[in-house]
Amino acid sequence: MSGQRAQDSAPRTRFRSNRVCRVNGELFFCTRENTLEGPFDSAEKAEQEIQAYIARMQAQTA
């Protein structure tokens, strides 16, 4: 996947990966900004929060 954020200096290829991970048995997701968001009760809730996080980030840059 190819993409560039506004703060990136040059285009580069990005590869999607599973953003949801377990830390000490709890579910979190990792962001491009190197934050760990969570914990969440289920993978479905984590996926919902990923979409909400993306929407917030896009709204900030708009």
N, C-alpha and C. Protein backbone atom coordinates (compact mmCIF):
# COMPACT_ATOMS: atom_id res chain seq x y z
N MET A 1 0.85 -1.17 0.00
CA MET A 1 0.00 0.00 0.00
C MET A 1 0.89 1.23 0.00
N SER A 2 0.55 2.19 -0.81
CA SER A 2 1.31 3.42 -0.89
C SER A 2 0.51 4.53 -0.24
N GLY A 3 1.17 5.37 0.51
CA GLY A 3 0.47 6.47 1.15
C GLY A 3 1.45 7.44 1.76
N GLN A 4 0.98 8.67 1.93
CA GLN A 4 1.82 9.69 2.53
C GLN A 4 0.98 10.56 3.43
N ARG A 5 1.45 10.76 4.64
CA ARG A 5 0.80 11.68 5.56
C ARG A 5 1.35 13.08 5.32
N ALA A 6 0.64 14.09 5.75
CA ALA A 6 1.05 15.47 5.52
C ALA A 6 2.43 15.77 6.10
N GLN A 7 2.76 15.17 7.25
CA GLN A 7 4.03 15.45 7.89
C GLN A 7 5.19 14.59 7.36
N ASP A 8 4.92 13.64 6.48
CA ASP A 8 5.97 12.82 5.89
C ASP A 8 6.74 13.64 4.86
N SER A 9 8.05 13.48 4.85
CA SER A 9 8.87 14.27 3.94
C SER A 9 8.95 13.66 2.55
N ALA A 10 8.81 12.36 2.41
CA ALA A 10 8.91 11.71 1.10
C ALA A 10 7.94 10.54 1.04
N PRO A 11 7.45 10.24 -0.17
CA PRO A 11 6.54 9.08 -0.29
C PRO A 11 7.26 7.79 0.07
N ARG A 12 6.53 6.85 0.62
CA ARG A 12 7.10 5.54 0.93
C ARG A 12 6.00 4.51 0.93
N THR A 13 6.39 3.28 0.82
CA THR A 13 5.42 2.19 0.82
C THR A 13 5.12 1.79 2.26
N ARG A 14 3.85 1.64 2.55
CA ARG A 14 3.42 1.19 3.87
C ARG A 14 2.70 -0.14 3.71
N PHE A 15 2.93 -1.02 4.63
CA PHE A 15 2.29 -2.32 4.60
C PHE A 15 1.33 -2.41 5.77
N ARG A 16 0.10 -2.80 5.48
CA ARG A 16 -0.88 -2.96 6.54
C ARG A 16 -0.55 -4.21 7.35
N SER A 17 -0.81 -4.11 8.62
CA SER A 17 -0.64 -5.27 9.50
C SER A 17 -1.79 -5.27 10.49
N ASN A 18 -1.89 -6.34 11.21
CA ASN A 18 -2.93 -6.43 12.22
C ASN A 18 -2.60 -5.43 13.32
N ARG A 19 -3.43 -4.45 13.51
CA ARG A 19 -3.17 -3.41 14.50
C ARG A 19 -3.55 -3.83 15.91
N VAL A 20 -4.36 -4.88 16.03
CA VAL A 20 -4.81 -5.31 17.35
C VAL A 20 -3.81 -6.31 17.91
N CYS A 21 -3.41 -6.08 19.16
CA CYS A 21 -2.46 -6.99 19.80
C CYS A 21 -2.87 -7.20 21.25
N ARG A 22 -2.31 -8.21 21.86
CA ARG A 22 -2.55 -8.49 23.28
C ARG A 22 -1.32 -8.13 24.08
N VAL A 23 -1.55 -7.43 25.18
CA VAL A 23 -0.50 -7.09 26.12
C VAL A 23 -1.00 -7.52 27.49
N ASN A 24 -0.31 -8.46 28.09
CA ASN A 24 -0.72 -9.01 29.38
C ASN A 24 -2.17 -9.48 29.36
N GLY A 25 -2.57 -10.08 28.24
CA GLY A 25 -3.91 -10.63 28.11
C GLY A 25 -5.00 -9.63 27.75
N GLU A 26 -4.64 -8.35 27.60
CA GLU A 26 -5.62 -7.33 27.25
C GLU A 26 -5.42 -6.88 25.80
N LEU A 27 -6.52 -6.48 25.14
CA LEU A 27 -6.46 -6.07 23.74
C LEU A 27 -6.20 -4.57 23.60
N PHE A 28 -5.26 -4.25 22.72
CA PHE A 28 -4.89 -2.87 22.41
C PHE A 28 -4.73 -2.76 20.90
N PHE A 29 -4.64 -1.52 20.40
CA PHE A 29 -4.20 -1.33 19.02
C PHE A 29 -3.09 -0.31 18.99
N CYS A 30 -2.20 -0.48 18.02
CA CYS A 30 -1.05 0.39 17.83
C CYS A 30 -1.35 1.39 16.73
N THR A 31 -0.83 2.60 16.87
CA THR A 31 -1.05 3.64 15.87
C THR A 31 0.26 3.99 15.18
N ARG A 32 0.16 4.68 14.05
CA ARG A 32 1.35 5.17 13.35
C ARG A 32 2.12 6.17 14.21
N GLU A 33 1.41 6.80 15.13
CA GLU A 33 2.05 7.78 16.00
C GLU A 33 2.74 7.12 17.19
N ASN A 34 2.83 5.81 17.16
CA ASN A 34 3.48 5.00 18.20
C ASN A 34 2.80 5.11 19.56
N THR A 35 1.46 5.13 19.53
CA THR A 35 0.72 5.05 20.78
C THR A 35 0.03 3.69 20.85
N LEU A 36 -0.23 3.26 22.03
CA LEU A 36 -0.93 2.01 22.28
C LEU A 36 -2.27 2.37 22.90
N GLU A 37 -3.35 2.13 22.18
CA GLU A 37 -4.69 2.53 22.61
C GLU A 37 -5.43 1.33 23.18
N GLY A 38 -6.12 1.51 24.30
CA GLY A 38 -6.89 0.44 24.90
C GLY A 38 -6.78 0.50 26.40
N PRO A 39 -7.11 -0.55 27.09
CA PRO A 39 -7.50 -1.89 26.63
C PRO A 39 -8.98 -1.95 26.23
N PHE A 40 -9.30 -2.97 25.45
CA PHE A 40 -10.65 -3.19 24.95
C PHE A 40 -11.13 -4.56 25.38
N ASP A 41 -12.46 -4.69 25.53
CA ASP A 41 -13.06 -5.94 25.99
C ASP A 41 -13.07 -7.03 24.93
N SER A 42 -13.08 -6.62 23.64
CA SER A 42 -13.15 -7.60 22.57
C SER A 42 -12.45 -7.06 21.33
N ALA A 43 -12.13 -7.95 20.41
CA ALA A 43 -11.51 -7.55 19.14
C ALA A 43 -12.47 -6.67 18.35
N GLU A 44 -13.76 -6.95 18.43
CA GLU A 44 -14.75 -6.14 17.72
C GLU A 44 -14.75 -4.70 18.24
N LYS A 45 -14.69 -4.54 19.55
CA LYS A 45 -14.66 -3.19 20.15
C LYS A 45 -13.37 -2.48 19.74
N ALA A 46 -12.26 -3.19 19.71
CA ALA A 46 -10.99 -2.60 19.29
C ALA A 46 -11.09 -2.12 17.84
N GLU A 47 -11.70 -2.92 16.96
CA GLU A 47 -11.87 -2.53 15.56
C GLU A 47 -12.75 -1.28 15.43
N GLN A 48 -13.79 -1.19 16.24
CA GLN A 48 -14.65 0.00 16.24
C GLN A 48 -13.86 1.23 16.66
N GLU A 49 -13.03 1.06 17.68
CA GLU A 49 -12.24 2.18 18.17
C GLU A 49 -11.14 2.58 17.19
N ILE A 50 -10.64 1.62 16.42
CA ILE A 50 -9.67 1.94 15.37
C ILE A 50 -10.32 2.88 14.35
N GLN A 51 -11.54 2.55 13.93
CA GLN A 51 -12.24 3.38 12.97
C GLN A 51 -12.52 4.78 13.54
N ALA A 52 -12.88 4.84 14.82
CA ALA A 52 -13.12 6.14 15.46
C ALA A 52 -11.83 6.94 15.56
N TYR A 53 -10.72 6.27 15.86
CA TYR A 53 -9.42 6.94 15.95
C TYR A 53 -9.03 7.52 14.60
N ILE A 54 -9.20 6.73 13.53
CA ILE A 54 -8.88 7.20 12.18
C ILE A 54 -9.72 8.42 11.84
N ALA A 55 -10.99 8.39 12.14
CA ALA A 55 -11.88 9.53 11.88
C ALA A 55 -11.41 10.78 12.63
N ARG A 56 -11.00 10.62 13.89
CA ARG A 56 -10.50 11.77 14.67
C ARG A 56 -9.23 12.34 14.06
N MET A 57 -8.32 11.48 13.64
CA MET A 57 -7.07 11.93 13.04
C MET A 57 -7.32 12.65 11.72
N GLN A 58 -8.24 12.15 10.92
CA GLN A 58 -8.56 12.79 9.65
C GLN A 58 -9.24 14.13 9.87
N ALA A 59 -10.08 14.24 10.91
CA ALA A 59 -10.75 15.49 11.21
C ALA A 59 -9.75 16.55 11.66
N GLN A 60 -8.70 16.15 12.37
CA GLN A 60 -7.68 17.09 12.83
C GLN A 60 -6.90 17.69 11.68
N THR A 61 -6.68 16.90 10.63
CA THR A 61 -5.88 17.38 9.50
C THR A 61 -6.72 18.08 8.45
N ALA A 62 -8.03 18.01 8.59
CA ALA A 62 -8.93 18.63 7.58
C ALA A 62 -9.10 20.12 7.82
